[in-house]
Every structure is written in structure tokens, then in C-alpha cells.
N, C-alpha and C. Protein backbone atom coordinates (compact mmCIF):
# COMPACT_ATOMS: atom_id res chain seq x y z
N UNK A 1 122.19 85.60 117.32
CA UNK A 1 123.32 85.51 116.98
C UNK A 1 124.69 86.79 117.30
N UNK A 2 123.53 87.79 117.81
CA UNK A 2 124.18 89.08 118.67
C UNK A 2 124.49 88.34 120.01
N UNK A 3 123.84 87.80 120.53
CA UNK A 3 124.16 87.19 121.83
C UNK A 3 125.69 86.24 121.85
N UNK A 4 125.83 85.66 120.59
CA UNK A 4 126.67 85.05 120.38
C UNK A 4 128.10 85.65 120.34
N UNK A 5 127.96 86.68 119.29
CA UNK A 5 129.08 87.37 118.96
C UNK A 5 129.35 88.60 120.00
N UNK A 6 128.54 88.97 120.75
CA UNK A 6 128.98 90.33 121.41
C UNK A 6 128.62 90.01 123.01
N UNK A 7 127.91 88.93 123.41
CA UNK A 7 127.45 88.62 124.81
C UNK A 7 126.07 89.50 124.84
N UNK A 8 125.59 90.45 124.20
CA UNK A 8 124.48 90.95 124.66
C UNK A 8 123.24 90.34 124.50
N UNK A 9 122.50 90.46 125.10
CA UNK A 9 120.88 89.55 124.59
C UNK A 9 119.57 90.64 124.78
N UNK A 10 118.80 90.58 123.76
CA UNK A 10 117.84 91.48 123.71
C UNK A 10 116.36 90.59 123.31
N UNK A 11 115.60 90.59 124.43
CA UNK A 11 113.90 90.08 124.17
C UNK A 11 113.82 90.21 122.61
N UNK A 12 112.98 89.21 122.61
CA UNK A 12 112.13 89.10 120.98
C UNK A 12 110.91 90.17 121.18
N UNK A 13 110.46 90.77 122.18
CA UNK A 13 109.32 91.28 122.06
C UNK A 13 110.11 93.13 121.93
N UNK A 14 111.39 93.27 122.75
CA UNK A 14 112.12 94.41 122.54
C UNK A 14 112.49 94.72 121.36
N UNK A 15 113.22 93.64 120.76
CA UNK A 15 113.53 93.71 118.89
C UNK A 15 112.46 93.87 118.33
N UNK A 16 110.99 93.40 118.65
CA UNK A 16 110.17 93.48 117.57
C UNK A 16 109.45 95.16 117.80
N UNK A 17 109.33 95.61 118.94
CA UNK A 17 108.95 96.78 119.07
C UNK A 17 110.03 97.52 118.22
N UNK A 18 111.23 97.70 118.67
CA UNK A 18 112.20 98.65 117.92
C UNK A 18 112.25 98.42 116.47
N UNK A 19 111.94 97.07 115.62
CA UNK A 19 111.89 96.79 114.41
C UNK A 19 110.54 97.86 113.62
N UNK A 20 109.57 97.69 114.65
CA UNK A 20 108.33 98.54 114.23
C UNK A 20 108.38 99.89 114.20
N UNK A 21 109.26 100.25 115.03
CA UNK A 21 109.59 101.74 115.16
C UNK A 21 110.33 102.43 114.16
N UNK A 22 111.36 101.50 113.94
CA UNK A 22 112.28 102.23 113.01
C UNK A 22 111.52 101.82 111.38
N UNK A 23 110.90 100.90 111.37
CA UNK A 23 110.17 100.89 110.09
C UNK A 23 109.20 101.94 109.69
N UNK A 24 108.68 102.63 110.79
CA UNK A 24 107.68 103.61 110.57
C UNK A 24 108.57 104.52 110.47
N UNK A 25 109.55 105.18 111.10
CA UNK A 25 109.99 106.20 110.76
C UNK A 25 110.95 105.91 109.45
N UNK A 26 111.58 105.04 108.99
CA UNK A 26 111.87 104.54 107.50
C UNK A 26 110.97 104.98 106.39
N UNK A 27 109.75 104.34 106.74
CA UNK A 27 108.53 104.73 105.73
C UNK A 27 108.32 106.27 105.57
N UNK A 28 108.33 106.91 106.87
CA UNK A 28 108.01 108.28 106.76
C UNK A 28 109.34 109.07 106.03
N UNK A 29 110.37 108.79 106.14
CA UNK A 29 111.41 109.17 105.64
C UNK A 29 111.36 108.85 104.00
N UNK A 30 110.91 107.66 103.61
CA UNK A 30 110.95 107.04 102.04
C UNK A 30 109.72 108.13 101.61
N UNK A 31 108.86 108.12 102.54
CA UNK A 31 107.74 109.03 101.55
C UNK A 31 107.97 110.20 101.34
N UNK A 32 108.92 111.28 102.06
CA UNK A 32 109.36 112.56 102.20
C UNK A 32 110.50 112.76 100.83
N UNK A 33 111.17 111.50 100.87
CA UNK A 33 112.09 111.50 99.84
C UNK A 33 111.34 111.45 98.39
N UNK A 34 110.21 110.35 98.33
CA UNK A 34 109.67 110.01 96.83
C UNK A 34 109.01 111.42 96.80
N UNK A 35 108.49 112.02 97.71
CA UNK A 35 107.82 113.32 97.33
C UNK A 35 108.81 114.50 96.59
N UNK A 36 109.81 114.58 97.60
CA UNK A 36 110.81 115.52 97.10
C UNK A 36 111.22 115.08 95.44
N UNK A 37 111.33 113.96 95.21
CA UNK A 37 111.88 113.80 94.34
C UNK A 37 110.91 113.81 93.02
N UNK A 38 109.83 113.52 93.16
CA UNK A 38 108.64 113.89 92.36
C UNK A 38 108.48 115.57 91.87
N UNK A 39 108.88 116.21 92.85
CA UNK A 39 109.20 117.56 92.76
C UNK A 39 110.42 118.26 91.97
N UNK A 40 111.22 117.03 91.82
CA UNK A 40 112.18 117.47 91.00
C UNK A 40 113.77 117.79 91.86
N UNK A 41 113.54 117.42 93.06
CA UNK A 41 114.47 117.96 94.14
C UNK A 41 115.72 116.84 94.04
N UNK A 42 116.72 117.14 93.81
CA UNK A 42 118.12 115.96 93.69
C UNK A 42 118.26 115.61 95.22
N UNK A 43 118.51 114.26 95.51
CA UNK A 43 118.58 113.90 96.67
C UNK A 43 120.10 113.03 96.97
N UNK A 44 120.59 113.40 98.12
CA UNK A 44 121.90 113.16 98.47
C UNK A 44 122.16 111.78 99.11
N UNK A 45 123.02 111.10 99.09
CA UNK A 45 123.16 109.70 99.94
C UNK A 45 123.73 110.10 101.42
N UNK A 46 123.01 109.01 102.36
CA UNK A 46 123.78 109.47 103.35
C UNK A 46 124.81 109.18 103.79
N UNK A 47 125.98 109.89 104.11
CA UNK A 47 127.28 109.64 104.75
C UNK A 47 127.46 108.71 105.56
N UNK A 48 128.64 107.90 105.34
CA UNK A 48 128.91 106.64 106.36
C UNK A 48 130.00 107.50 107.00
N UNK A 49 129.60 107.24 108.65
CA UNK A 49 130.56 107.81 109.57
C UNK A 49 132.05 107.15 109.33
N UNK A 50 133.25 107.96 109.53
CA UNK A 50 134.67 107.47 109.32
C UNK A 50 134.50 106.16 110.32
N UNK A 51 134.16 105.95 111.19
CA UNK A 51 134.60 105.22 112.76
C UNK A 51 133.88 103.68 112.23
N UNK A 52 132.60 104.15 111.48
CA UNK A 52 131.96 103.22 111.00
C UNK A 52 132.50 102.16 109.94
N UNK A 53 132.86 103.21 108.82
CA UNK A 53 133.68 102.48 107.86
C UNK A 53 134.84 101.71 108.10
N UNK A 54 135.44 102.07 109.14
CA UNK A 54 136.61 101.46 109.60
C UNK A 54 136.55 100.16 110.25
N UNK A 55 135.26 99.87 110.89
CA UNK A 55 135.32 98.84 111.41
C UNK A 55 135.35 97.57 110.80
N UNK A 56 135.82 96.65 111.01
CA UNK A 56 136.30 95.17 110.51
C UNK A 56 135.24 94.29 110.28
N UNK A 57 133.91 94.47 111.11
CA UNK A 57 132.95 93.67 110.87
C UNK A 57 131.38 94.36 111.73
N UNK A 58 130.68 94.40 110.76
CA UNK A 58 129.29 94.74 111.10
C UNK A 58 128.21 93.92 110.87
N UNK A 59 127.21 93.46 111.46
CA UNK A 59 125.75 92.71 111.53
C UNK A 59 124.77 93.77 110.68
N UNK A 60 124.19 93.23 109.72
CA UNK A 60 123.00 93.74 109.09
C UNK A 60 121.80 93.13 109.30
N UNK A 61 120.67 93.82 109.91
CA UNK A 61 119.57 93.16 110.00
C UNK A 61 118.56 94.27 109.56
N UNK A 62 117.54 93.69 108.66
CA UNK A 62 116.51 94.86 108.43
C UNK A 62 117.03 95.79 107.82
N UNK A 63 118.27 96.18 107.19
CA UNK A 63 118.79 97.40 106.83
C UNK A 63 119.69 98.08 107.73
N UNK A 64 119.82 97.80 109.09
CA UNK A 64 120.40 98.62 110.18
C UNK A 64 121.72 97.76 110.41
N UNK A 65 122.71 98.81 110.25
CA UNK A 65 123.98 98.16 110.49
C UNK A 65 124.64 98.31 112.00
N UNK A 66 124.90 97.18 112.74
CA UNK A 66 125.25 97.10 114.10
C UNK A 66 126.91 96.68 114.35
N UNK A 67 127.63 97.85 114.65
CA UNK A 67 129.18 97.32 114.50
C UNK A 67 129.66 96.45 115.61
């Protein structure tokens, strides 16, 4: 779909490796946030960059937004 809409191409193995890396980072961040929440720390939402918010189209896969 990304190739059809943007002309970019990504190999399946490169995409798989990227998803695995991002998944490990997300899991690590989630664990840190859950630990902080268990201690009573108030968590803040991640801000959305104004440029991203203004874009008319974004593709989302596995929680990652690509303008």
C-alpha cells in the first residue's frame, strides 16, 4: 500500500526487522510507564507535532503514523 500511494518500496525483511525493533522499544516504554503509574506518578499524553496534525492523509500500521 505504501508503494502504491507514495512510490516508496520497503523489503519485507527490512519492515519485519523495523517492527521488531520498534516493538521492543514500545514494550520498554510501556513497562516504564506502568511502573511509574504503580508508584502514583501522573503520566502525560504524547503531543502531536503541528505539522503532522495538519497533514490531510496518514497511514497507520501497528500504531505508527506515516504521513
